Structures are given as C-alpha cells and as structure tokens.
C-alpha cells in the first residue's frame, strides 16, 4: 500500500503508533493546513508526502539530495 499517494487512518496508526482517533485528528489538521495553502484534499486521507514532511522532516532531506544530483 506504500505506493498510494494518500494515507488512511489505519496506515497512520501503524506508522506512528497512535490510536484511531489520533490518526483522524492528524489527518484533519494536515488537511486543514493544505486547504489554507490552496490545495485540494480528500476527506479521511492525507497526502503521504505532506505527512512525511511534517512528521519526519523529509522535505529538507529531499532538497539536499536533489542538490547533490545536479
């Protein structure tokens, strides 16, 4: 399921070790942030890339990796 662009609550629960209600709170909070930035969101799902950026800080790592490739 890691190929999907979106993560559901069940996958967030396993990845972060949180309860179902906390997983849905995370989805809601991140989707609200994305809406404020003008992105379209899917209810009950969150962008895998955005979650990883917010939780693990992958955005900074990805930018550094891309700079090395050039």
PDB file of N, CA and C in Angstrom:
ATOM      1  N   UNK A   1       0.823  -1.194   0.000  1.00  0.00           N
ATOM      2  CA  UNK A   1       0.000   0.000   0.000  1.00  0.00           C
ATOM      3  C   UNK A   1       0.866   1.257   0.000  1.00  0.00           C
ATOM      4  N   UNK A   2       2.159   1.109   0.160  1.00  0.00           N
ATOM      5  CA  UNK A   2       3.050   2.269   0.195  1.00  0.00           C
ATOM      6  C   UNK A   2       3.118   2.988  -1.145  1.00  0.00           C
ATOM      7  N   UNK A   3       2.560   2.392  -2.192  1.00  0.00           N
ATOM      8  CA  UNK A   3       2.570   3.030  -3.499  1.00  0.00           C
ATOM      9  C   UNK A   3       1.500   4.111  -3.625  1.00  0.00           C
ATOM     10  N   UNK A   4       0.528   4.115  -2.733  1.00  0.00           N
ATOM     11  CA  UNK A   4      -0.570   5.075  -2.792  1.00  0.00           C
ATOM     12  C   UNK A   4      -0.083   6.469  -2.429  1.00  0.00           C
ATOM     13  N   UNK A   5      -0.644   7.454  -3.114  1.00  0.00           N
ATOM     14  CA  UNK A   5      -0.281   8.846  -2.845  1.00  0.00           C
ATOM     15  C   UNK A   5      -0.876   9.333  -1.518  1.00  0.00           C
ATOM     16  N   UNK A   6      -1.952   8.675  -1.073  1.00  0.00           N
ATOM     17  CA  UNK A   6      -2.628   9.060   0.162  1.00  0.00           C
ATOM     18  C   UNK A   6      -2.466   7.998   1.241  1.00  0.00           C
ATOM     19  N   UNK A   7      -2.518   8.441   2.487  1.00  0.00           N
ATOM     20  CA  UNK A   7      -2.505   7.533   3.626  1.00  0.00           C
ATOM     21  C   UNK A   7      -3.855   7.622   4.326  1.00  0.00           C
ATOM     22  N   UNK A   8      -4.376   6.484   4.733  1.00  0.00           N
ATOM     23  CA  UNK A   8      -5.610   6.413   5.511  1.00  0.00           C
ATOM     24  C   UNK A   8      -5.245   6.309   6.988  1.00  0.00           C
ATOM     25  N   UNK A   9      -6.256   6.435   7.837  1.00  0.00           N
ATOM     26  CA  UNK A   9      -6.043   6.408   9.286  1.00  0.00           C
ATOM     27  C   UNK A   9      -5.366   5.120   9.738  1.00  0.00           C
ATOM     28  N   UNK A  10      -5.756   3.984   9.175  1.00  0.00           N
ATOM     29  CA  UNK A  10      -5.183   2.706   9.593  1.00  0.00           C
ATOM     30  C   UNK A  10      -3.674   2.668   9.361  1.00  0.00           C
ATOM     31  N   UNK A  11      -3.234   3.199   8.239  1.00  0.00           N
ATOM     32  CA  UNK A  11      -1.809   3.209   7.928  1.00  0.00           C
ATOM     33  C   UNK A  11      -1.057   4.180   8.840  1.00  0.00           C
ATOM     34  N   UNK A  12      -1.673   5.309   9.150  1.00  0.00           N
ATOM     35  CA  UNK A  12      -1.060   6.280  10.060  1.00  0.00           C
ATOM     36  C   UNK A  12      -0.951   5.684  11.455  1.00  0.00           C
ATOM     37  N   UNK A  13      -1.973   4.939  11.869  1.00  0.00           N
ATOM     38  CA  UNK A  13      -1.950   4.279  13.171  1.00  0.00           C
ATOM     39  C   UNK A  13      -0.737   3.361  13.293  1.00  0.00           C
ATOM     40  N   UNK A  14      -0.496   2.563  12.267  1.00  0.00           N
ATOM     41  CA  UNK A  14       0.630   1.628  12.288  1.00  0.00           C
ATOM     42  C   UNK A  14       1.966   2.352  12.207  1.00  0.00           C
ATOM     43  N   UNK A  15       2.060   3.349  11.342  1.00  0.00           N
ATOM     44  CA  UNK A  15       3.326   4.051  11.134  1.00  0.00           C
ATOM     45  C   UNK A  15       3.755   4.856  12.357  1.00  0.00           C
ATOM     46  N   UNK A  16       2.790   5.481  13.032  1.00  0.00           N
ATOM     47  CA  UNK A  16       3.120   6.376  14.144  1.00  0.00           C
ATOM     48  C   UNK A  16       2.816   5.797  15.514  1.00  0.00           C
ATOM     49  N   UNK A  17       2.130   4.643  15.546  1.00  0.00           N
ATOM     50  CA  UNK A  17       1.789   4.031  16.827  1.00  0.00           C
ATOM     51  C   UNK A  17       0.787   4.835  17.623  1.00  0.00           C
ATOM     52  N   UNK A  18      -0.205   5.388  16.923  1.00  0.00           N
ATOM     53  CA  UNK A  18      -1.231   6.203  17.591  1.00  0.00           C
ATOM     54  C   UNK A  18      -2.591   5.517  17.488  1.00  0.00           C
ATOM     55  N   UNK A  19      -3.541   6.001  18.267  1.00  0.00           N
ATOM     56  CA  UNK A  19      -4.899   5.459  18.228  1.00  0.00           C
ATOM     57  C   UNK A  19      -5.617   5.912  16.960  1.00  0.00           C
ATOM     58  N   UNK A  20      -6.749   5.292  16.706  1.00  0.00           N
ATOM     59  CA  UNK A  20      -7.532   5.649  15.524  1.00  0.00           C
ATOM     60  C   UNK A  20      -8.015   7.095  15.608  1.00  0.00           C
ATOM     61  N   UNK A  21      -8.466   7.498  16.773  1.00  0.00           N
ATOM     62  CA  UNK A  21      -8.952   8.875  16.904  1.00  0.00           C
ATOM     63  C   UNK A  21      -7.822   9.880  16.698  1.00  0.00           C
ATOM     64  N   UNK A  22      -6.633   9.571  17.178  1.00  0.00           N
ATOM     65  CA  UNK A  22      -5.493  10.472  16.973  1.00  0.00           C
ATOM     66  C   UNK A  22      -5.094  10.516  15.503  1.00  0.00           C
ATOM     67  N   UNK A  23      -5.157   9.376  14.824  1.00  0.00           N
ATOM     68  CA  UNK A  23      -4.844   9.334  13.391  1.00  0.00           C
ATOM     69  C   UNK A  23      -5.803  10.236  12.620  1.00  0.00           C
ATOM     70  N   UNK A  24      -7.084  10.200  12.956  1.00  0.00           N
ATOM     71  CA  UNK A  24      -8.047  11.063  12.279  1.00  0.00           C
ATOM     72  C   UNK A  24      -7.817  12.538  12.611  1.00  0.00           C
ATOM     73  N   UNK A  25      -7.386  12.829  13.839  1.00  0.00           N
ATOM     74  CA  UNK A  25      -7.061  14.220  14.193  1.00  0.00           C
ATOM     75  C   UNK A  25      -5.868  14.715  13.376  1.00  0.00           C
ATOM     76  N   UNK A  26      -4.893  13.852  13.183  1.00  0.00           N
ATOM     77  CA  UNK A  26      -3.728  14.211  12.372  1.00  0.00           C
ATOM     78  C   UNK A  26      -4.157  14.487  10.941  1.00  0.00           C
ATOM     79  N   UNK A  27      -4.981  13.617  10.385  1.00  0.00           N
ATOM     80  CA  UNK A  27      -5.478  13.805   9.016  1.00  0.00           C
ATOM     81  C   UNK A  27      -6.218  15.131   8.906  1.00  0.00           C
ATOM     82  N   UNK A  28      -7.091  15.394   9.856  1.00  0.00           N
ATOM     83  CA  UNK A  28      -7.885  16.627   9.812  1.00  0.00           C
ATOM     84  C   UNK A  28      -6.987  17.861   9.883  1.00  0.00           C
ATOM     85  N   UNK A  29      -6.028  17.849  10.801  1.00  0.00           N
ATOM     86  CA  UNK A  29      -5.140  19.002  10.966  1.00  0.00           C
ATOM     87  C   UNK A  29      -4.294  19.239   9.711  1.00  0.00           C
ATOM     88  N   UNK A  30      -3.714  18.185   9.165  1.00  0.00           N
ATOM     89  CA  UNK A  30      -2.878  18.347   7.984  1.00  0.00           C
ATOM     90  C   UNK A  30      -3.696  18.771   6.773  1.00  0.00           C
ATOM     91  N   UNK A  31      -4.905  18.219   6.620  1.00  0.00           N
ATOM     92  CA  UNK A  31      -5.763  18.619   5.508  1.00  0.00           C
ATOM     93  C   UNK A  31      -6.193  20.077   5.625  1.00  0.00           C
ATOM     94  N   UNK A  32      -6.416  20.554   6.844  1.00  0.00           N
ATOM     95  CA  UNK A  32      -6.749  21.967   7.035  1.00  0.00           C
ATOM     96  C   UNK A  32      -5.577  22.850   6.606  1.00  0.00           C
ATOM     97  N   UNK A  33      -4.352  22.446   6.948  1.00  0.00           N
ATOM     98  CA  UNK A  33      -3.169  23.200   6.524  1.00  0.00           C
ATOM     99  C   UNK A  33      -3.067  23.232   5.005  1.00  0.00           C
ATOM    100  N   UNK A  34      -3.300  22.089   4.374  1.00  0.00           N
ATOM    101  CA  UNK A  34      -3.222  22.022   2.918  1.00  0.00           C
ATOM    102  C   UNK A  34      -4.293  22.885   2.251  1.00  0.00           C
ATOM    103  N   UNK A  35      -5.508  22.887   2.824  1.00  0.00           N
ATOM    104  CA  UNK A  35      -6.586  23.731   2.280  1.00  0.00           C
ATOM    105  C   UNK A  35      -6.204  25.199   2.344  1.00  0.00           C
ATOM    106  N   UNK A  36      -5.610  25.617   3.469  1.00  0.00           N
ATOM    107  CA  UNK A  36      -5.188  27.004   3.627  1.00  0.00           C
ATOM    108  C   UNK A  36      -4.139  27.398   2.593  1.00  0.00           C
ATOM    109  N   UNK A  37      -3.354  26.424   2.163  1.00  0.00           N
ATOM    110  CA  UNK A  37      -2.329  26.676   1.150  1.00  0.00           C
ATOM    111  C   UNK A  37      -2.895  26.588  -0.264  1.00  0.00           C
ATOM    112  N   UNK A  38      -4.192  26.278  -0.379  1.00  0.00           N
ATOM    113  CA  UNK A  38      -4.841  26.252  -1.678  1.00  0.00           C
ATOM    114  C   UNK A  38      -4.880  24.889  -2.356  1.00  0.00           C
ATOM    115  N   UNK A  39      -4.505  23.839  -1.643  1.00  0.00           N
ATOM    116  CA  UNK A  39      -4.521  22.501  -2.226  1.00  0.00           C
ATOM    117  C   UNK A  39      -5.881  21.837  -2.042  1.00  0.00           C
ATOM    118  N   UNK A  40      -6.218  20.952  -2.951  1.00  0.00           N
ATOM    119  CA  UNK A  40      -7.420  20.151  -2.826  1.00  0.00           C
ATOM    120  C   UNK A  40      -7.093  18.952  -1.939  1.00  0.00           C
ATOM    121  N   UNK A  41      -8.005  18.581  -1.062  1.00  0.00           N
ATOM    122  CA  UNK A  41      -7.772  17.462  -0.153  1.00  0.00           C
ATOM    123  C   UNK A  41      -8.871  16.422  -0.307  1.00  0.00           C
ATOM    124  N   UNK A  42      -8.581  15.211   0.151  1.00  0.00           N
ATOM    125  CA  UNK A  42      -9.545  14.122   0.137  1.00  0.00           C
ATOM    126  C   UNK A  42      -9.879  13.801   1.586  1.00  0.00           C
ATOM    127  N   UNK A  43     -11.141  13.881   1.933  1.00  0.00           N
ATOM    128  CA  UNK A  43     -11.579  13.640   3.303  1.00  0.00           C
ATOM    129  C   UNK A  43     -11.210  12.228   3.744  1.00  0.00           C
ATOM    130  N   UNK A  44     -10.663  12.109   4.957  1.00  0.00           N
ATOM    131  CA  UNK A  44     -10.303  10.809   5.502  1.00  0.00           C
ATOM    132  C   UNK A  44      -8.971  10.281   5.019  1.00  0.00           C
ATOM    133  N   UNK A  45      -8.279  11.061   4.213  1.00  0.00           N
ATOM    134  CA  UNK A  45      -6.962  10.666   3.702  1.00  0.00           C
ATOM    135  C   UNK A  45      -6.062  11.899   3.699  1.00  0.00           C
ATOM    136  N   UNK A  46      -4.766  11.643   3.780  1.00  0.00           N
ATOM    137  CA  UNK A  46      -3.820  12.752   3.749  1.00  0.00           C
ATOM    138  C   UNK A  46      -2.681  12.386   2.800  1.00  0.00           C
ATOM    139  N   UNK A  47      -2.139  13.377   2.172  1.00  0.00           N
ATOM    140  CA  UNK A  47      -1.011  13.184   1.271  1.00  0.00           C
ATOM    141  C   UNK A  47       0.148  12.525   2.018  1.00  0.00           C
ATOM    142  N   UNK A  48       0.631  11.417   1.483  1.00  0.00           N
ATOM    143  CA  UNK A  48       1.755  10.703   2.093  1.00  0.00           C
ATOM    144  C   UNK A  48       2.982  11.618   2.183  1.00  0.00           C
ATOM    145  N   UNK A  49       3.265  12.326   1.121  1.00  0.00           N
ATOM    146  CA  UNK A  49       4.438  13.202   1.080  1.00  0.00           C
ATOM    147  C   UNK A  49       4.333  14.301   2.130  1.00  0.00           C
ATOM    148  N   UNK A  50       3.143  14.921   2.264  1.00  0.00           N
ATOM    149  CA  UNK A  50       2.985  16.012   3.230  1.00  0.00           C
ATOM    150  C   UNK A  50       3.124  15.493   4.658  1.00  0.00           C
ATOM    151  N   UNK A  51       2.540  14.328   4.943  1.00  0.00           N
ATOM    152  CA  UNK A  51       2.664  13.745   6.279  1.00  0.00           C
ATOM    153  C   UNK A  51       4.130  13.473   6.596  1.00  0.00           C
ATOM    154  N   UNK A  52       4.848  12.900   5.650  1.00  0.00           N
ATOM    155  CA  UNK A  52       6.262  12.603   5.879  1.00  0.00           C
ATOM    156  C   UNK A  52       7.069  13.879   6.099  1.00  0.00           C
ATOM    157  N   UNK A  53       6.753  14.935   5.364  1.00  0.00           N
ATOM    158  CA  UNK A  53       7.443  16.217   5.567  1.00  0.00           C
ATOM    159  C   UNK A  53       7.189  16.751   6.966  1.00  0.00           C
ATOM    160  N   UNK A  54       5.936  16.680   7.409  1.00  0.00           N
ATOM    161  CA  UNK A  54       5.567  17.244   8.706  1.00  0.00           C
ATOM    162  C   UNK A  54       6.084  16.399   9.873  1.00  0.00           C
ATOM    163  N   UNK A  55       6.085  15.094   9.718  1.00  0.00           N
ATOM    164  CA  UNK A  55       6.486  14.219  10.815  1.00  0.00           C
ATOM    165  C   UNK A  55       7.989  13.996  10.845  1.00  0.00           C
ATOM    166  N   UNK A  56       8.556  13.676   9.693  1.00  0.00           N
ATOM    167  CA  UNK A  56       9.957  13.253   9.649  1.00  0.00           C
ATOM    168  C   UNK A  56      10.907  14.313   9.104  1.00  0.00           C
ATOM    169  N   UNK A  57      10.374  15.408   8.568  1.00  0.00           N
ATOM    170  CA  UNK A  57      11.223  16.453   8.026  1.00  0.00           C
ATOM    171  C   UNK A  57      11.887  16.073   6.716  1.00  0.00           C
ATOM    172  N   UNK A  58      11.235  15.216   5.921  1.00  0.00           N
ATOM    173  CA  UNK A  58      11.817  14.739   4.669  1.00  0.00           C
ATOM    174  C   UNK A  58      12.010  15.824   3.632  1.00  0.00           C
ATOM    175  N   UNK A  59      11.284  16.919   3.728  1.00  0.00           N
ATOM    176  CA  UNK A  59      11.407  17.967   2.719  1.00  0.00           C
ATOM    177  C   UNK A  59      12.838  18.488   2.657  1.00  0.00           C
ATOM    178  N   UNK A  60      13.429  18.741   3.804  1.00  0.00           N
ATOM    179  CA  UNK A  60      14.804  19.232   3.856  1.00  0.00           C
ATOM    180  C   UNK A  60      15.765  18.199   3.282  1.00  0.00           C
ATOM    181  N   UNK A  61      15.574  16.943   3.608  1.00  0.00           N
ATOM    182  CA  UNK A  61      16.454  15.883   3.117  1.00  0.00           C
ATOM    183  C   UNK A  61      16.315  15.739   1.611  1.00  0.00           C
ATOM    184  N   UNK A  62      15.103  15.810   1.092  1.00  0.00           N
ATOM    185  CA  UNK A  62      14.877  15.660  -0.347  1.00  0.00           C
ATOM    186  C   UNK A  62      15.546  16.799  -1.112  1.00  0.00           C
ATOM    187  N   UNK A  63      15.465  18.007  -0.582  1.00  0.00           N
ATOM    188  CA  UNK A  63      16.088  19.151  -1.247  1.00  0.00           C
ATOM    189  C   UNK A  63      17.605  18.988  -1.287  1.00  0.00           C
ATOM    190  N   UNK A  64      18.192  18.477  -0.223  1.00  0.00           N
ATOM    191  CA  UNK A  64      19.633  18.260  -0.182  1.00  0.00           C
ATOM    192  C   UNK A  64      20.041  17.175  -1.178  1.00  0.00           C
ATOM    193  N   UNK A  65      19.227  16.097  -1.259  1.00  0.00           N
ATOM    194  CA  UNK A  65      19.519  15.021  -2.204  1.00  0.00           C
ATOM    195  C   UNK A  65      19.456  15.510  -3.627  1.00  0.00           C
ATOM    196  N   UNK A  66      18.470  16.353  -3.950  1.00  0.00           N
ATOM    197  CA  UNK A  66      18.322  16.873  -5.306  1.00  0.00           C
ATOM    198  C   UNK A  66      19.511  17.784  -5.640  1.00  0.00           C
ATOM    199  N   UNK A  67      19.977  18.552  -4.689  1.00  0.00           N
ATOM    200  CA  UNK A  67      21.109  19.449  -4.922  1.00  0.00           C
ATOM    201  C   UNK A  67      22.373  18.652  -5.235  1.00  0.00           C
ATOM    202  N   UNK A  68      22.523  17.505  -4.588  1.00  0.00           N
ATOM    203  CA  UNK A  68      23.689  16.667  -4.838  1.00  0.00           C
ATOM    204  C   UNK A  68      23.680  16.058  -6.229  1.00  0.00           C
ATOM    205  N   UNK A  69      22.467  15.764  -6.744  1.00  0.00           N
ATOM    206  CA  UNK A  69      22.323  15.140  -8.045  1.00  0.00           C
ATOM    207  C   UNK A  69      22.693  16.083  -9.185  1.00  0.00           C
ATOM    208  N   UNK A  70      22.539  17.382  -8.978  1.00  0.00           N
ATOM    209  CA  UNK A  70      22.790  18.367 -10.033  1.00  0.00           C
ATOM    210  C   UNK A  70      24.205  18.649 -10.224  1.00  0.00           C
TER     211      UNK A  70
END
